[in-house]
C-alpha cells in the first residue's frame, strides 16, 4: 500500500499519481488541501522520508515569502508554517511501510518503488 500526499492542481503530483496507478499500486490518496495534516502527521511523514521541515518547503510560494524572519526559523517553527499553510509543502510525497520519498522528480519515485 502506497500513500500519496497529493495536490491535484500540481502537474508533478498528477504525474506521480499516474505513475503509481500505471504500476497497479494499491493506493491511498491524501489531498492535504481537503484533509489538512496535523503537526504530528507531517512530522511522521518527515521521519519516513528522512528530511527536515526546511527541506520540504516550497520557497517560492507567497505564503512562505510572507513569513517574517523565515531564514531564522527553527525546524519546529518551519513545521508550524507547513501546518498553517499546506500550500508551502513540497509535493508529491509518497510513503509505504514506514519509508517514503519526496517524489519530485519522478525518478525519485521510480527508485523508491524499485527498492520495495
N, C-alpha and C. Protein backbone atom coordinates (compact mmCIF):
# COMPACT_ATOMS: atom_id res chain seq x y z
N UNK A 1 0.85 -1.18 0.00
CA UNK A 1 0.00 0.00 0.00
C UNK A 1 0.89 1.24 0.00
N UNK A 2 0.62 2.12 -0.94
CA UNK A 2 1.32 3.39 -1.04
C UNK A 2 0.36 4.51 -0.68
N UNK A 3 0.86 5.50 0.03
CA UNK A 3 0.09 6.70 0.32
C UNK A 3 0.76 7.85 -0.42
N UNK A 4 -0.03 8.58 -1.19
CA UNK A 4 0.48 9.76 -1.87
C UNK A 4 -0.19 10.99 -1.27
N UNK A 5 0.64 11.92 -0.82
CA UNK A 5 0.16 13.21 -0.32
C UNK A 5 0.15 14.11 -1.55
N UNK A 6 -1.05 14.41 -1.98
CA UNK A 6 -1.32 14.83 -3.35
C UNK A 6 -2.01 16.19 -3.42
N UNK A 7 -1.59 16.96 -4.40
CA UNK A 7 -2.28 18.20 -4.76
C UNK A 7 -2.71 18.03 -6.21
N UNK A 8 -4.01 17.85 -6.45
CA UNK A 8 -4.47 17.60 -7.82
C UNK A 8 -4.21 18.75 -8.79
N UNK A 9 -3.88 19.92 -8.27
CA UNK A 9 -3.60 21.06 -9.14
C UNK A 9 -2.13 21.12 -9.57
N UNK A 10 -1.32 20.23 -9.00
CA UNK A 10 0.12 20.22 -9.28
C UNK A 10 0.44 19.18 -10.35
N UNK A 11 1.09 19.60 -11.41
CA UNK A 11 1.42 18.70 -12.51
C UNK A 11 2.31 17.55 -12.05
N UNK A 12 3.32 17.84 -11.25
CA UNK A 12 4.24 16.79 -10.77
C UNK A 12 3.50 15.79 -9.88
N UNK A 13 2.57 16.28 -9.11
CA UNK A 13 1.78 15.39 -8.25
C UNK A 13 0.87 14.50 -9.10
N UNK A 14 0.27 15.07 -10.12
CA UNK A 14 -0.57 14.27 -11.02
C UNK A 14 0.26 13.22 -11.75
N UNK A 15 1.49 13.59 -12.15
CA UNK A 15 2.38 12.64 -12.82
C UNK A 15 2.72 11.47 -11.89
N UNK A 16 3.00 11.77 -10.64
CA UNK A 16 3.34 10.71 -9.68
C UNK A 16 2.14 9.80 -9.45
N UNK A 17 0.96 10.38 -9.32
CA UNK A 17 -0.25 9.58 -9.13
C UNK A 17 -0.47 8.68 -10.34
N UNK A 18 -0.30 9.23 -11.53
CA UNK A 18 -0.48 8.45 -12.76
C UNK A 18 0.52 7.29 -12.81
N UNK A 19 1.76 7.57 -12.42
CA UNK A 19 2.78 6.52 -12.41
C UNK A 19 2.39 5.40 -11.45
N UNK A 20 1.96 5.76 -10.24
CA UNK A 20 1.54 4.76 -9.26
C UNK A 20 0.37 3.93 -9.78
N UNK A 21 -0.59 4.60 -10.39
CA UNK A 21 -1.74 3.89 -10.95
C UNK A 21 -1.31 2.96 -12.08
N UNK A 22 -0.41 3.42 -12.94
CA UNK A 22 0.09 2.59 -14.04
C UNK A 22 0.84 1.36 -13.54
N UNK A 23 1.44 1.48 -12.36
CA UNK A 23 2.17 0.35 -11.77
C UNK A 23 1.22 -0.62 -11.06
N UNK A 24 -0.05 -0.25 -10.99
CA UNK A 24 -1.03 -1.10 -10.32
C UNK A 24 -0.88 -1.10 -8.80
N UNK A 25 -0.28 -0.04 -8.27
CA UNK A 25 -0.04 0.05 -6.83
C UNK A 25 -1.35 0.24 -6.07
N UNK A 26 -1.47 -0.45 -4.94
CA UNK A 26 -2.58 -0.19 -4.02
C UNK A 26 -2.34 1.19 -3.43
N UNK A 27 -3.34 2.06 -3.51
CA UNK A 27 -3.14 3.47 -3.20
C UNK A 27 -4.10 4.02 -2.17
N UNK A 28 -3.56 4.91 -1.37
CA UNK A 28 -4.37 5.80 -0.55
C UNK A 28 -3.96 7.20 -0.98
N UNK A 29 -4.92 7.98 -1.41
CA UNK A 29 -4.64 9.34 -1.88
C UNK A 29 -5.09 10.32 -0.80
N UNK A 30 -4.15 11.14 -0.33
CA UNK A 30 -4.46 12.15 0.67
C UNK A 30 -4.31 13.52 0.01
N UNK A 31 -5.44 14.16 -0.24
CA UNK A 31 -5.43 15.53 -0.74
C UNK A 31 -5.33 16.42 0.50
N UNK A 32 -4.12 16.88 0.79
CA UNK A 32 -3.89 17.59 2.05
C UNK A 32 -4.44 19.01 2.05
N UNK A 33 -5.08 19.41 0.95
CA UNK A 33 -5.81 20.68 0.96
C UNK A 33 -7.22 20.44 1.50
N UNK A 34 -7.79 19.29 1.15
CA UNK A 34 -9.13 18.93 1.65
C UNK A 34 -9.06 18.30 3.02
N UNK A 35 -7.95 17.63 3.32
CA UNK A 35 -7.75 16.96 4.60
C UNK A 35 -6.45 17.50 5.20
N UNK A 36 -6.49 18.70 5.82
CA UNK A 36 -5.25 19.30 6.33
C UNK A 36 -4.52 18.36 7.30
N UNK A 37 -3.22 18.35 7.17
CA UNK A 37 -2.38 17.49 8.01
C UNK A 37 -2.09 18.18 9.33
N UNK A 38 -2.11 17.39 10.39
CA UNK A 38 -1.74 17.89 11.71
C UNK A 38 -0.22 17.88 11.83
N UNK A 39 0.27 18.62 12.80
CA UNK A 39 1.71 18.72 13.01
C UNK A 39 2.35 17.34 13.18
N UNK A 40 1.73 16.49 14.00
CA UNK A 40 2.29 15.15 14.24
C UNK A 40 2.30 14.32 12.96
N UNK A 41 1.32 14.52 12.10
CA UNK A 41 1.28 13.77 10.84
C UNK A 41 2.42 14.20 9.92
N UNK A 42 2.64 15.51 9.83
CA UNK A 42 3.74 16.00 8.99
C UNK A 42 5.08 15.51 9.55
N UNK A 43 5.22 15.54 10.88
CA UNK A 43 6.47 15.06 11.48
C UNK A 43 6.67 13.58 11.19
N UNK A 44 5.61 12.79 11.24
CA UNK A 44 5.72 11.36 10.94
C UNK A 44 6.14 11.15 9.48
N UNK A 45 5.59 11.94 8.58
CA UNK A 45 5.97 11.86 7.16
C UNK A 45 7.44 12.22 7.00
N UNK A 46 7.86 13.29 7.67
CA UNK A 46 9.27 13.70 7.60
C UNK A 46 10.18 12.59 8.10
N UNK A 47 9.79 11.93 9.17
CA UNK A 47 10.59 10.81 9.69
C UNK A 47 10.69 9.70 8.65
N UNK A 48 9.60 9.45 7.94
CA UNK A 48 9.60 8.39 6.93
C UNK A 48 10.47 8.73 5.74
N UNK A 49 10.48 10.00 5.34
CA UNK A 49 11.26 10.38 4.16
C UNK A 49 12.67 10.85 4.51
N UNK A 50 12.95 10.96 5.80
CA UNK A 50 14.30 11.31 6.24
C UNK A 50 14.71 12.73 5.93
N UNK A 51 13.75 13.65 5.97
CA UNK A 51 14.05 15.05 5.69
C UNK A 51 13.61 15.93 6.86
N UNK A 52 14.18 17.12 6.90
CA UNK A 52 13.80 18.14 7.87
C UNK A 52 12.69 19.02 7.28
N UNK A 53 11.92 19.70 8.12
CA UNK A 53 10.87 20.58 7.60
C UNK A 53 11.39 21.57 6.55
N UNK A 54 12.56 22.13 6.77
CA UNK A 54 13.11 23.12 5.83
C UNK A 54 13.37 22.53 4.45
N UNK A 55 13.50 21.20 4.37
CA UNK A 55 13.80 20.55 3.10
C UNK A 55 12.56 20.26 2.26
N UNK A 56 11.38 20.49 2.81
CA UNK A 56 10.16 20.27 2.03
C UNK A 56 9.34 21.55 1.87
N UNK A 57 9.97 22.69 2.09
CA UNK A 57 9.28 23.97 1.93
C UNK A 57 9.36 24.41 0.48
N UNK A 58 8.22 24.80 -0.05
CA UNK A 58 8.17 25.41 -1.39
C UNK A 58 8.50 26.90 -1.20
N UNK A 59 9.76 27.20 -1.38
CA UNK A 59 10.27 28.53 -1.02
C UNK A 59 9.79 29.66 -1.92
N UNK A 60 9.21 29.34 -3.06
CA UNK A 60 8.71 30.40 -3.94
C UNK A 60 7.24 30.73 -3.72
N UNK A 61 6.59 30.02 -2.80
CA UNK A 61 5.18 30.31 -2.52
C UNK A 61 5.06 31.63 -1.76
N UNK A 62 4.04 32.39 -2.11
CA UNK A 62 3.81 33.69 -1.47
C UNK A 62 3.65 33.55 0.04
N UNK A 63 2.99 32.47 0.47
CA UNK A 63 2.78 32.27 1.91
C UNK A 63 4.10 32.11 2.66
N UNK A 64 5.06 31.44 2.03
CA UNK A 64 6.38 31.28 2.65
C UNK A 64 7.12 32.61 2.64
N UNK A 65 7.08 33.30 1.52
CA UNK A 65 7.79 34.58 1.41
C UNK A 65 7.25 35.62 2.38
N UNK A 66 5.99 35.47 2.80
CA UNK A 66 5.38 36.42 3.72
C UNK A 66 5.73 36.14 5.19
N UNK A 67 6.38 35.04 5.47
CA UNK A 67 6.72 34.68 6.85
C UNK A 67 7.87 35.57 7.31
N UNK A 68 7.66 36.34 8.39
CA UNK A 68 8.73 37.20 8.88
C UNK A 68 9.93 36.37 9.37
N UNK A 69 11.11 36.86 9.11
CA UNK A 69 12.35 36.22 9.57
C UNK A 69 12.42 34.74 9.19
N UNK A 70 11.91 34.39 8.03
CA UNK A 70 11.81 32.98 7.64
C UNK A 70 13.15 32.27 7.59
N UNK A 71 14.22 33.00 7.35
CA UNK A 71 15.55 32.38 7.29
C UNK A 71 16.14 32.12 8.67
N UNK A 72 15.46 32.58 9.72
CA UNK A 72 15.95 32.39 11.08
C UNK A 72 15.09 31.43 11.89
N UNK A 73 14.11 30.80 11.25
CA UNK A 73 13.20 29.92 11.96
C UNK A 73 13.86 28.59 12.33
N UNK A 74 13.43 28.05 13.47
CA UNK A 74 13.86 26.70 13.85
C UNK A 74 13.08 25.70 13.01
N UNK A 75 13.52 24.45 13.02
CA UNK A 75 12.80 23.41 12.28
C UNK A 75 11.36 23.28 12.81
N UNK A 76 11.18 23.40 14.12
CA UNK A 76 9.84 23.30 14.70
C UNK A 76 8.96 24.46 14.23
N UNK A 77 9.52 25.65 14.15
CA UNK A 77 8.76 26.80 13.66
C UNK A 77 8.39 26.62 12.19
N UNK A 78 9.30 26.07 11.41
CA UNK A 78 9.01 25.80 9.99
C UNK A 78 7.89 24.77 9.89
N UNK A 79 7.94 23.76 10.74
CA UNK A 79 6.88 22.75 10.77
C UNK A 79 5.53 23.41 11.04
N UNK A 80 5.49 24.38 11.94
CA UNK A 80 4.25 25.10 12.22
C UNK A 80 3.75 25.85 10.99
N UNK A 81 4.66 26.41 10.21
CA UNK A 81 4.28 27.09 8.97
C UNK A 81 3.67 26.09 7.99
N UNK A 82 4.27 24.91 7.88
CA UNK A 82 3.74 23.88 6.98
C UNK A 82 2.33 23.47 7.38
N UNK A 83 2.07 23.41 8.68
CA UNK A 83 0.73 23.07 9.17
C UNK A 83 -0.26 24.18 8.81
N UNK A 84 0.14 25.41 9.05
CA UNK A 84 -0.75 26.55 8.82
C UNK A 84 -0.98 26.82 7.33
N UNK A 85 0.04 26.58 6.52
CA UNK A 85 -0.05 26.88 5.09
C UNK A 85 0.33 25.64 4.27
N UNK A 86 -0.61 24.71 4.07
CA UNK A 86 -0.30 23.47 3.35
C UNK A 86 0.28 23.69 1.96
N UNK A 87 -0.03 24.82 1.36
CA UNK A 87 0.50 25.10 0.02
C UNK A 87 2.03 25.16 0.01
N UNK A 88 2.62 25.40 1.18
CA UNK A 88 4.08 25.51 1.26
C UNK A 88 4.78 24.15 1.33
N UNK A 89 4.00 23.06 1.39
CA UNK A 89 4.60 21.72 1.44
C UNK A 89 4.95 21.26 0.03
N UNK A 90 6.21 20.90 -0.16
CA UNK A 90 6.65 20.36 -1.45
C UNK A 90 5.92 19.06 -1.72
N UNK A 91 5.59 18.84 -2.96
CA UNK A 91 4.84 17.64 -3.33
C UNK A 91 5.31 17.12 -4.67
N UNK A 92 4.94 15.89 -4.91
CA UNK A 92 4.20 14.94 -4.08
C UNK A 92 5.14 14.19 -3.14
N UNK A 93 4.57 13.69 -2.07
CA UNK A 93 5.29 12.81 -1.15
C UNK A 93 4.58 11.47 -1.19
N UNK A 94 5.36 10.40 -1.28
CA UNK A 94 4.81 9.05 -1.32
C UNK A 94 5.45 8.25 -0.19
N UNK A 95 4.60 7.53 0.57
CA UNK A 95 5.10 6.68 1.64
C UNK A 95 4.57 5.26 1.49
N UNK A 96 5.31 4.34 2.09
CA UNK A 96 4.90 2.94 2.11
C UNK A 96 5.73 2.21 3.16
N UNK A 97 5.07 1.47 4.05
CA UNK A 97 5.78 0.66 5.06
C UNK A 97 6.82 1.47 5.85
N UNK A 98 6.41 2.63 6.35
CA UNK A 98 7.25 3.48 7.19
C UNK A 98 8.49 4.03 6.50
N UNK A 99 8.49 4.04 5.19
CA UNK A 99 9.53 4.68 4.39
C UNK A 99 8.82 5.61 3.42
N UNK A 100 9.56 6.52 2.85
CA UNK A 100 8.92 7.41 1.89
C UNK A 100 9.93 8.18 1.08
N UNK A 101 9.37 9.00 0.19
CA UNK A 101 10.22 9.77 -0.72
C UNK A 101 9.48 11.03 -1.15
N UNK A 102 10.25 12.10 -1.31
CA UNK A 102 9.74 13.28 -1.99
C UNK A 102 9.84 12.94 -3.46
N UNK A 103 8.72 12.72 -4.09
CA UNK A 103 8.66 12.15 -5.45
C UNK A 103 8.80 13.22 -6.52
N UNK A 104 9.72 14.09 -6.34
CA UNK A 104 10.00 15.17 -7.27
C UNK A 104 11.50 15.27 -7.38
N UNK A 105 12.08 14.87 -8.48
CA UNK A 105 11.48 14.47 -9.74
C UNK A 105 10.92 13.04 -9.66
N UNK A 106 10.20 12.66 -10.69
CA UNK A 106 9.54 11.36 -10.75
C UNK A 106 10.55 10.22 -10.59
N UNK A 107 11.79 10.44 -10.97
CA UNK A 107 12.83 9.41 -10.84
C UNK A 107 13.01 8.98 -9.38
N UNK A 108 12.78 9.91 -8.45
CA UNK A 108 12.84 9.55 -7.03
C UNK A 108 11.80 8.49 -6.69
N UNK A 109 10.61 8.65 -7.24
CA UNK A 109 9.53 7.68 -7.01
C UNK A 109 9.85 6.34 -7.66
N UNK A 110 10.36 6.39 -8.88
CA UNK A 110 10.71 5.16 -9.59
C UNK A 110 11.75 4.37 -8.79
N UNK A 111 12.78 5.04 -8.30
CA UNK A 111 13.81 4.38 -7.49
C UNK A 111 13.21 3.82 -6.21
N UNK A 112 12.35 4.59 -5.57
CA UNK A 112 11.71 4.16 -4.32
C UNK A 112 10.90 2.89 -4.54
N UNK A 113 10.14 2.86 -5.62
CA UNK A 113 9.31 1.68 -5.89
C UNK A 113 10.17 0.47 -6.27
N UNK A 114 11.27 0.71 -6.94
CA UNK A 114 12.17 -0.38 -7.34
C UNK A 114 12.78 -1.04 -6.11
N UNK A 115 13.05 -0.24 -5.07
CA UNK A 115 13.64 -0.74 -3.83
C UNK A 115 12.64 -1.55 -3.00
N UNK A 116 11.36 -1.39 -3.25
CA UNK A 116 10.32 -2.05 -2.45
C UNK A 116 10.25 -3.50 -2.76
